[in-house]
């Protein structure tokens, strides 16, 4: 079984002069959930090579056993240093795709035609798609076969307005994914800030925040198991 994990290549936090990128826990926890289950994991990003790490995600307060394990794992670090260029990815080669968050995806993956097309093709091929934290914002530009927003009428979650307010970034981010998904007709749900919350709507799996990343990955593995057994 093969899972593609797609990371952001964007490293600027709006006009703040601060750095952003992918959130380390949202890569590390799913990565080891998949790898420990015997799944082959490929990392990709729009620009390929080393994607930018949100430096805040590696501060002591946000480090976890998984993030420490990732940074001590030579195989994992080598894969991160040489991610595949997204435009070179063939979705037919993978059983599923997982998008870690961080603020970076709000700027690049949301508008990346390769990322959008990949999600559309995966869902069309009846393959599950999972996104966590800010990555569900990518769905705002993904279309269903009938041309509607893919999240219209679907149950989803993602980084909430309340969590963005807690980060003092409401005025910095290009859009609030909760607001846009709701405006598109998504059935958006959430739990308390930083609580674990994962939503599955058929082939579409979304997690609310960094702490939800492991459970999002486990839910994806369960969906893949059911698909393989069908």
C-alpha atoms as a PDB file:
ATOM      1  CA  UNK A   1       0.000   0.000   0.000  1.00  0.00           C
ATOM      2  CA  UNK A   2       1.268   3.471  -0.891  1.00  0.00           C
ATOM      3  CA  UNK A   3       0.290   6.830   0.591  1.00  0.00           C
ATOM      4  CA  UNK A   4       1.379  10.207  -0.750  1.00  0.00           C
ATOM      5  CA  UNK A   5       1.899  12.994   1.782  1.00  0.00           C
ATOM      6  CA  UNK A   6       1.918  16.516   0.315  1.00  0.00           C
ATOM      7  CA  UNK A   7       3.618  19.374   2.153  1.00  0.00           C
ATOM      8  CA  UNK A   8       3.592  23.106   1.524  1.00  0.00           C
ATOM      9  CA  UNK A   9       6.481  24.965  -0.123  1.00  0.00           C
ATOM     10  CA  UNK A  10       5.366  28.392   1.179  1.00  0.00           C
ATOM     11  CA  UNK A  11       7.498  29.947   3.929  1.00  0.00           C
ATOM     12  CA  UNK A  12       6.241  33.525   4.461  1.00  0.00           C
ATOM     13  CA  UNK A  13       3.571  34.275   7.083  1.00  0.00           C
ATOM     14  CA  UNK A  14       1.713  36.955   5.172  1.00  0.00           C
ATOM     15  CA  UNK A  15       3.314  40.384   5.548  1.00  0.00           C
ATOM     16  CA  UNK A  16       4.533  39.796   9.103  1.00  0.00           C
ATOM     17  CA  UNK A  17       8.135  39.110   8.100  1.00  0.00           C
ATOM     18  CA  UNK A  18       7.912  35.836  10.028  1.00  0.00           C
ATOM     19  CA  UNK A  19       8.455  32.360   8.654  1.00  0.00           C
ATOM     20  CA  UNK A  20       5.830  29.661   8.247  1.00  0.00           C
ATOM     21  CA  UNK A  21       5.585  26.303   6.469  1.00  0.00           C
ATOM     22  CA  UNK A  22       4.332  22.871   7.464  1.00  0.00           C
ATOM     23  CA  UNK A  23       3.578  21.953  11.080  1.00  0.00           C
ATOM     24  CA  UNK A  24       5.986  19.255  12.238  1.00  0.00           C
ATOM     25  CA  UNK A  25       3.583  17.191  14.376  1.00  0.00           C
ATOM     26  CA  UNK A  26       1.141  17.003  11.463  1.00  0.00           C
ATOM     27  CA  UNK A  27       3.829  15.374   9.359  1.00  0.00           C
ATOM     28  CA  UNK A  28       5.515  13.256  12.022  1.00  0.00           C
ATOM     29  CA  UNK A  29       2.506  11.624  13.705  1.00  0.00           C
ATOM     30  CA  UNK A  30       0.825  10.487  10.459  1.00  0.00           C
ATOM     31  CA  UNK A  31       4.158   9.535   8.891  1.00  0.00           C
ATOM     32  CA  UNK A  32       4.924   7.035  11.637  1.00  0.00           C
ATOM     33  CA  UNK A  33       1.302   5.887  11.866  1.00  0.00           C
ATOM     34  CA  UNK A  34       1.559   4.915   8.206  1.00  0.00           C
ATOM     35  CA  UNK A  35       5.108   3.588   8.258  1.00  0.00           C
ATOM     36  CA  UNK A  36       4.554   1.499  11.402  1.00  0.00           C
ATOM     37  CA  UNK A  37       1.561  -0.067   9.645  1.00  0.00           C
ATOM     38  CA  UNK A  38       3.792  -1.191   6.789  1.00  0.00           C
ATOM     39  CA  UNK A  39       2.651   1.481   4.357  1.00  0.00           C
ATOM     40  CA  UNK A  40       5.098   2.932   1.842  1.00  0.00           C
ATOM     41  CA  UNK A  41       5.109   6.734   2.266  1.00  0.00           C
ATOM     42  CA  UNK A  42       6.204   9.241  -0.381  1.00  0.00           C
ATOM     43  CA  UNK A  43       6.630  12.929   0.486  1.00  0.00           C
ATOM     44  CA  UNK A  44       5.919  15.585  -2.144  1.00  0.00           C
ATOM     45  CA  UNK A  45       5.673  19.380  -2.305  1.00  0.00           C
ATOM     46  CA  UNK A  46       4.995  21.983  -5.020  1.00  0.00           C
ATOM     47  CA  UNK A  47       8.666  22.931  -5.387  1.00  0.00           C
ATOM     48  CA  UNK A  48      10.180  19.582  -4.425  1.00  0.00           C
ATOM     49  CA  UNK A  49      13.265  19.242  -2.255  1.00  0.00           C
ATOM     50  CA  UNK A  50      13.275  20.448   1.345  1.00  0.00           C
ATOM     51  CA  UNK A  51       9.946  22.046   2.303  1.00  0.00           C
ATOM     52  CA  UNK A  52       9.912  24.845   4.874  1.00  0.00           C
ATOM     53  CA  UNK A  53       9.227  23.941   8.478  1.00  0.00           C
ATOM     54  CA  UNK A  54       7.168  26.362  10.549  1.00  0.00           C
ATOM     55  CA  UNK A  55       9.786  27.168  13.209  1.00  0.00           C
ATOM     56  CA  UNK A  56       7.114  27.585  15.861  1.00  0.00           C
ATOM     57  CA  UNK A  57       6.109  23.937  15.430  1.00  0.00           C
ATOM     58  CA  UNK A  58       9.556  22.872  16.614  1.00  0.00           C
ATOM     59  CA  UNK A  59       9.579  24.982  19.756  1.00  0.00           C
ATOM     60  CA  UNK A  60       9.762  22.915  22.972  1.00  0.00           C
ATOM     61  CA  UNK A  61       6.089  23.532  23.802  1.00  0.00           C
ATOM     62  CA  UNK A  62       5.004  21.922  20.531  1.00  0.00           C
ATOM     63  CA  UNK A  63       7.450  19.034  20.356  1.00  0.00           C
ATOM     64  CA  UNK A  64       6.079  15.532  20.834  1.00  0.00           C
ATOM     65  CA  UNK A  65       7.489  12.021  20.955  1.00  0.00           C
ATOM     66  CA  UNK A  66       6.696  11.789  17.235  1.00  0.00           C
ATOM     67  CA  UNK A  67       8.484  15.012  16.306  1.00  0.00           C
ATOM     68  CA  UNK A  68      11.563  13.966  18.269  1.00  0.00           C
ATOM     69  CA  UNK A  69      11.437  10.516  16.675  1.00  0.00           C
ATOM     70  CA  UNK A  70      11.151  12.070  13.214  1.00  0.00           C
ATOM     71  CA  UNK A  71      14.170  14.296  13.682  1.00  0.00           C
ATOM     72  CA  UNK A  72      16.201  11.331  14.966  1.00  0.00           C
ATOM     73  CA  UNK A  73      15.166   9.073  12.086  1.00  0.00           C
ATOM     74  CA  UNK A  74      17.655   9.207   9.215  1.00  0.00           C
ATOM     75  CA  UNK A  75      15.203   7.710   6.712  1.00  0.00           C
ATOM     76  CA  UNK A  76      12.493  10.213   7.569  1.00  0.00           C
ATOM     77  CA  UNK A  77      14.833  13.192   7.440  1.00  0.00           C
ATOM     78  CA  UNK A  78      16.273  12.074   4.098  1.00  0.00           C
ATOM     79  CA  UNK A  79      12.767  11.766   2.654  1.00  0.00           C
ATOM     80  CA  UNK A  80      11.930  15.271   3.915  1.00  0.00           C
ATOM     81  CA  UNK A  81      15.089  16.736   2.391  1.00  0.00           C
ATOM     82  CA  UNK A  82      14.238  15.378  -1.054  1.00  0.00           C
ATOM     83  CA  UNK A  83      10.481  15.564  -1.506  1.00  0.00           C
ATOM     84  CA  UNK A  84       9.132  14.760  -4.957  1.00  0.00           C
ATOM     85  CA  UNK A  85       7.990  17.713  -7.068  1.00  0.00           C
ATOM     86  CA  UNK A  86       4.195  17.680  -7.009  1.00  0.00           C
ATOM     87  CA  UNK A  87       3.841  18.210 -10.763  1.00  0.00           C
ATOM     88  CA  UNK A  88       5.687  14.930 -11.329  1.00  0.00           C
ATOM     89  CA  UNK A  89       3.280  12.875  -9.192  1.00  0.00           C
ATOM     90  CA  UNK A  90       0.901  10.399 -10.850  1.00  0.00           C
ATOM     91  CA  UNK A  91      -2.087   9.812  -8.548  1.00  0.00           C
ATOM     92  CA  UNK A  92      -2.556   6.389 -10.114  1.00  0.00           C
ATOM     93  CA  UNK A  93       0.607   5.290  -8.300  1.00  0.00           C
ATOM     94  CA  UNK A  94      -0.937   5.813  -4.849  1.00  0.00           C
ATOM     95  CA  UNK A  95      -3.778   4.377  -2.807  1.00  0.00           C
ATOM     96  CA  UNK A  96      -4.432   7.615  -0.947  1.00  0.00           C
ATOM     97  CA  UNK A  97      -3.171  11.127  -0.241  1.00  0.00           C
ATOM     98  CA  UNK A  98      -2.673  12.911   3.086  1.00  0.00           C
ATOM     99  CA  UNK A  99      -2.150  16.668   3.457  1.00  0.00           C
ATOM    100  CA  UNK A 100      -0.469  17.898   6.671  1.00  0.00           C
ATOM    101  CA  UNK A 101      -1.252  21.483   7.591  1.00  0.00           C
ATOM    102  CA  UNK A 102       0.631  24.435   8.943  1.00  0.00           C
ATOM    103  CA  UNK A 103      -0.230  27.891   7.660  1.00  0.00           C
ATOM    104  CA  UNK A 104       1.750  27.478   4.439  1.00  0.00           C
ATOM    105  CA  UNK A 105      -0.970  25.561   2.526  1.00  0.00           C
ATOM    106  CA  UNK A 106      -3.315  28.563   2.817  1.00  0.00           C
ATOM    107  CA  UNK A 107      -1.083  30.381   0.346  1.00  0.00           C
ATOM    108  CA  UNK A 108       0.250  27.761  -2.057  1.00  0.00           C
ATOM    109  CA  UNK A 109      -1.596  24.419  -1.989  1.00  0.00           C
ATOM    110  CA  UNK A 110      -4.983  26.138  -1.917  1.00  0.00           C
ATOM    111  CA  UNK A 111      -4.182  27.530  -5.368  1.00  0.00           C
ATOM    112  CA  UNK A 112      -1.959  24.757  -6.752  1.00  0.00           C
ATOM    113  CA  UNK A 113      -3.612  23.196  -9.797  1.00  0.00           C
ATOM    114  CA  UNK A 114      -1.674  19.957  -9.311  1.00  0.00           C
ATOM    115  CA  UNK A 115      -2.899  19.602  -5.719  1.00  0.00           C
ATOM    116  CA  UNK A 116      -6.484  20.434  -6.673  1.00  0.00           C
ATOM    117  CA  UNK A 117      -6.472  18.055  -9.635  1.00  0.00           C
ATOM    118  CA  UNK A 118      -4.914  15.298  -7.549  1.00  0.00           C
ATOM    119  CA  UNK A 119      -7.698  15.494  -4.961  1.00  0.00           C
ATOM    120  CA  UNK A 120     -10.341  15.482  -7.687  1.00  0.00           C
ATOM    121  CA  UNK A 121      -8.744  12.490  -9.400  1.00  0.00           C
ATOM    122  CA  UNK A 122      -8.307  10.560  -6.166  1.00  0.00           C
ATOM    123  CA  UNK A 123     -11.943  11.006  -5.177  1.00  0.00           C
ATOM    124  CA  UNK A 124     -13.077  10.141  -8.712  1.00  0.00           C
ATOM    125  CA  UNK A 125     -11.047   6.923  -8.494  1.00  0.00           C
ATOM    126  CA  UNK A 126     -12.759   6.092  -5.177  1.00  0.00           C
ATOM    127  CA  UNK A 127      -9.549   6.606  -3.198  1.00  0.00           C
ATOM    128  CA  UNK A 128      -9.714   8.276   0.239  1.00  0.00           C
ATOM    129  CA  UNK A 129      -8.280  11.756   0.781  1.00  0.00           C
ATOM    130  CA  UNK A 130      -7.275  13.122   4.196  1.00  0.00           C
ATOM    131  CA  UNK A 131      -6.385  16.665   5.237  1.00  0.00           C
ATOM    132  CA  UNK A 132      -5.602  18.052   8.693  1.00  0.00           C
ATOM    133  CA  UNK A 133      -5.608  21.458  10.401  1.00  0.00           C
ATOM    134  CA  UNK A 134      -5.150  24.193   7.743  1.00  0.00           C
ATOM    135  CA  UNK A 135      -4.930  21.736   4.862  1.00  0.00           C
ATOM    136  CA  UNK A 136      -8.752  21.366   4.578  1.00  0.00           C
ATOM    137  CA  UNK A 137      -8.626  24.913   3.225  1.00  0.00           C
ATOM    138  CA  UNK A 138      -7.352  23.367  -0.007  1.00  0.00           C
ATOM    139  CA  UNK A 139     -10.841  21.937  -0.472  1.00  0.00           C
ATOM    140  CA  UNK A 140     -12.220  25.439  -1.020  1.00  0.00           C
ATOM    141  CA  UNK A 141     -10.923  25.312  -4.610  1.00  0.00           C
ATOM    142  CA  UNK A 142     -11.609  21.624  -5.336  1.00  0.00           C
ATOM    143  CA  UNK A 143     -14.603  20.864  -7.524  1.00  0.00           C
ATOM    144  CA  UNK A 144     -17.039  17.955  -7.498  1.00  0.00           C
ATOM    145  CA  UNK A 145     -17.844  16.320 -10.862  1.00  0.00           C
ATOM    146  CA  UNK A 146     -20.942  18.549 -11.191  1.00  0.00           C
ATOM    147  CA  UNK A 147     -18.841  21.709 -10.756  1.00  0.00           C
ATOM    148  CA  UNK A 148     -19.960  22.450  -7.185  1.00  0.00           C
ATOM    149  CA  UNK A 149     -17.411  22.969  -4.395  1.00  0.00           C
ATOM    150  CA  UNK A 150     -16.366  19.492  -3.299  1.00  0.00           C
ATOM    151  CA  UNK A 151     -17.202  20.258   0.341  1.00  0.00           C
ATOM    152  CA  UNK A 152     -20.780  21.361  -0.421  1.00  0.00           C
ATOM    153  CA  UNK A 153     -23.141  19.195   1.603  1.00  0.00           C
ATOM    154  CA  UNK A 154     -20.248  17.228   3.123  1.00  0.00           C
ATOM    155  CA  UNK A 155     -19.291  16.952   6.774  1.00  0.00           C
ATOM    156  CA  UNK A 156     -15.831  18.441   7.339  1.00  0.00           C
ATOM    157  CA  UNK A 157     -13.641  20.052   9.950  1.00  0.00           C
ATOM    158  CA  UNK A 158     -10.408  22.043  10.030  1.00  0.00           C
ATOM    159  CA  UNK A 159      -8.581  24.758  11.958  1.00  0.00           C
ATOM    160  CA  UNK A 160     -11.322  26.881  13.456  1.00  0.00           C
ATOM    161  CA  UNK A 161     -11.801  30.636  13.600  1.00  0.00           C
ATOM    162  CA  UNK A 162     -11.465  30.368  17.371  1.00  0.00           C
ATOM    163  CA  UNK A 163      -8.118  28.597  17.079  1.00  0.00           C
ATOM    164  CA  UNK A 164      -6.913  31.187  14.560  1.00  0.00           C
ATOM    165  CA  UNK A 165      -7.927  33.918  16.990  1.00  0.00           C
ATOM    166  CA  UNK A 166      -5.954  32.179  19.729  1.00  0.00           C
ATOM    167  CA  UNK A 167      -2.911  32.312  17.438  1.00  0.00           C
ATOM    168  CA  UNK A 168      -3.545  36.057  16.805  1.00  0.00           C
ATOM    169  CA  UNK A 169      -3.479  35.433  13.050  1.00  0.00           C
ATOM    170  CA  UNK A 170      -7.034  36.233  11.944  1.00  0.00           C
ATOM    171  CA  UNK A 171      -5.827  39.418  10.234  1.00  0.00           C
ATOM    172  CA  UNK A 172      -2.773  37.722   8.728  1.00  0.00           C
ATOM    173  CA  UNK A 173      -4.078  34.623   6.962  1.00  0.00           C
ATOM    174  CA  UNK A 174      -5.442  35.030   3.406  1.00  0.00           C
ATOM    175  CA  UNK A 175      -8.775  33.496   4.432  1.00  0.00           C
ATOM    176  CA  UNK A 176     -10.463  31.743   7.342  1.00  0.00           C
ATOM    177  CA  UNK A 177     -11.094  28.218   6.158  1.00  0.00           C
ATOM    178  CA  UNK A 178     -14.043  27.699   8.514  1.00  0.00           C
ATOM    179  CA  UNK A 179     -15.848  30.705   7.030  1.00  0.00           C
ATOM    180  CA  UNK A 180     -15.157  29.774   3.407  1.00  0.00           C
ATOM    181  CA  UNK A 181     -16.121  26.127   3.790  1.00  0.00           C
ATOM    182  CA  UNK A 182     -19.363  27.086   5.531  1.00  0.00           C
ATOM    183  CA  UNK A 183     -20.115  29.642   2.800  1.00  0.00           C
ATOM    184  CA  UNK A 184     -19.669  26.894   0.221  1.00  0.00           C
ATOM    185  CA  UNK A 185     -22.278  24.771   1.941  1.00  0.00           C
ATOM    186  CA  UNK A 186     -20.034  22.443   3.945  1.00  0.00           C
ATOM    187  CA  UNK A 187     -21.347  20.958   7.174  1.00  0.00           C
ATOM    188  CA  UNK A 188     -18.500  22.220   9.344  1.00  0.00           C
ATOM    189  CA  UNK A 189     -18.116  20.861  12.870  1.00  0.00           C
ATOM    190  CA  UNK A 190     -15.516  21.340  15.584  1.00  0.00           C
ATOM    191  CA  UNK A 191     -14.670  20.632  19.188  1.00  0.00           C
ATOM    192  CA  UNK A 192     -12.988  22.890  21.750  1.00  0.00           C
ATOM    193  CA  UNK A 193      -9.729  24.583  20.773  1.00  0.00           C
ATOM    194  CA  UNK A 194      -6.892  22.044  20.419  1.00  0.00           C
ATOM    195  CA  UNK A 195      -9.187  19.088  21.120  1.00  0.00           C
ATOM    196  CA  UNK A 196      -9.039  15.973  18.948  1.00  0.00           C
ATOM    197  CA  UNK A 197     -11.728  16.014  16.269  1.00  0.00           C
ATOM    198  CA  UNK A 198     -11.814  13.985  13.061  1.00  0.00           C
ATOM    199  CA  UNK A 199     -14.660  13.831  10.550  1.00  0.00           C
ATOM    200  CA  UNK A 200     -15.141  11.225   7.851  1.00  0.00           C
ATOM    201  CA  UNK A 201     -17.637  11.767   5.047  1.00  0.00           C
ATOM    202  CA  UNK A 202     -17.294   8.738   2.784  1.00  0.00           C
ATOM    203  CA  UNK A 203     -13.875   9.145   1.086  1.00  0.00           C
ATOM    204  CA  UNK A 204     -13.150  12.580   2.557  1.00  0.00           C
ATOM    205  CA  UNK A 205     -11.414  12.668   5.964  1.00  0.00           C
ATOM    206  CA  UNK A 206     -10.550  15.884   7.797  1.00  0.00           C
ATOM    207  CA  UNK A 207      -8.911  16.655  11.147  1.00  0.00           C
ATOM    208  CA  UNK A 208      -9.286  19.870  13.120  1.00  0.00           C
ATOM    209  CA  UNK A 209      -5.799  20.697  14.402  1.00  0.00           C
ATOM    210  CA  UNK A 210      -2.296  19.334  15.123  1.00  0.00           C
ATOM    211  CA  UNK A 211      -3.508  17.115  17.940  1.00  0.00           C
ATOM    212  CA  UNK A 212      -5.975  15.486  15.543  1.00  0.00           C
ATOM    213  CA  UNK A 213      -3.308  14.431  13.057  1.00  0.00           C
ATOM    214  CA  UNK A 214      -2.645  10.950  14.439  1.00  0.00           C
ATOM    215  CA  UNK A 215      -6.351  10.091  14.601  1.00  0.00           C
ATOM    216  CA  UNK A 216      -6.834  11.461  11.083  1.00  0.00           C
ATOM    217  CA  UNK A 217      -4.114   9.093   9.879  1.00  0.00           C
ATOM    218  CA  UNK A 218      -5.666   6.162  11.720  1.00  0.00           C
ATOM    219  CA  UNK A 219      -9.042   6.962  10.194  1.00  0.00           C
ATOM    220  CA  UNK A 220      -7.446   6.994   6.756  1.00  0.00           C
ATOM    221  CA  UNK A 221      -5.846   3.602   7.345  1.00  0.00           C
ATOM    222  CA  UNK A 222      -9.218   2.210   8.416  1.00  0.00           C
ATOM    223  CA  UNK A 223     -10.813   3.594   5.245  1.00  0.00           C
ATOM    224  CA  UNK A 224      -8.103   2.001   3.151  1.00  0.00           C
ATOM    225  CA  UNK A 225      -8.627  -1.316   4.912  1.00  0.00           C
ATOM    226  CA  UNK A 226     -12.347  -1.228   4.157  1.00  0.00           C
ATOM    227  CA  UNK A 227     -11.654  -0.291   0.547  1.00  0.00           C
ATOM    228  CA  UNK A 228      -9.191  -3.178   0.142  1.00  0.00           C
ATOM    229  CA  UNK A 229     -11.704  -5.602   1.650  1.00  0.00           C
ATOM    230  CA  UNK A 230     -14.546  -4.466  -0.604  1.00  0.00           C
END
